[in-house]
Amino acid sequence: MLHIYVILKLKAGVCQHCGEKIYTKETHEKIQEIRRELKERIFL
């Protein structure tokens, strides 16, 4: 199985209660777009 790791520099807020990263809707959509593009390029 092939594993590919990608490092993305993103802006995210952090929950004051649990420390979980909080992404905007636009950032989440961009991450999904990048994942789709990577899958398409890898499996050509």
Protein backbone atom coordinates (compact mmCIF):
# COMPACT_ATOMS: atom_id res chain seq x y z
CA MET A 1 0.00 0.00 0.00
CA LEU A 2 1.31 3.43 -0.98
CA HIS A 3 1.20 6.23 1.59
CA ILE A 4 1.68 9.82 0.56
CA TYR A 5 1.95 12.60 3.11
CA VAL A 6 1.26 16.23 2.30
CA ILE A 7 1.99 19.19 4.53
CA LEU A 8 -0.46 22.06 4.28
CA LYS A 9 -0.11 25.43 5.95
CA LEU A 10 -3.60 26.44 7.08
CA LYS A 11 -5.13 29.01 9.36
CA ALA A 12 -7.26 27.48 12.09
CA GLY A 13 -8.85 28.62 15.28
CA VAL A 14 -8.51 26.60 18.47
CA CYS A 15 -11.31 25.67 20.86
CA GLN A 16 -10.63 27.23 24.27
CA HIS A 17 -12.21 24.24 26.07
CA CYS A 18 -10.71 21.18 24.34
CA GLY A 19 -7.86 22.52 22.19
CA GLU A 20 -9.39 21.09 18.99
CA LYS A 21 -8.53 22.91 15.77
CA ILE A 22 -11.46 24.73 14.15
CA TYR A 23 -11.37 25.28 10.39
CA THR A 24 -13.58 27.64 8.42
CA LYS A 25 -15.99 26.16 5.90
CA GLU A 26 -13.78 27.49 3.09
CA THR A 27 -10.66 25.86 4.55
CA HIS A 28 -12.48 22.53 4.99
CA GLU A 29 -13.68 22.69 1.36
CA LYS A 30 -10.13 23.45 0.16
CA ILE A 31 -8.79 20.43 2.08
CA GLN A 32 -11.42 18.20 0.44
CA GLU A 33 -10.54 19.62 -2.99
CA ILE A 34 -6.84 18.89 -2.44
CA ARG A 35 -7.62 15.31 -1.32
CA ARG A 36 -9.72 14.69 -4.46
CA GLU A 37 -7.00 16.10 -6.70
CA LEU A 38 -4.32 13.96 -5.04
CA LYS A 39 -6.43 10.80 -5.44
CA GLU A 40 -7.01 11.57 -9.12
CA ARG A 41 -3.30 12.13 -9.78
CA ILE A 42 -2.15 9.08 -7.81
CA PHE A 43 -4.56 6.62 -9.41
CA LEU A 44 -4.17 7.68 -13.06
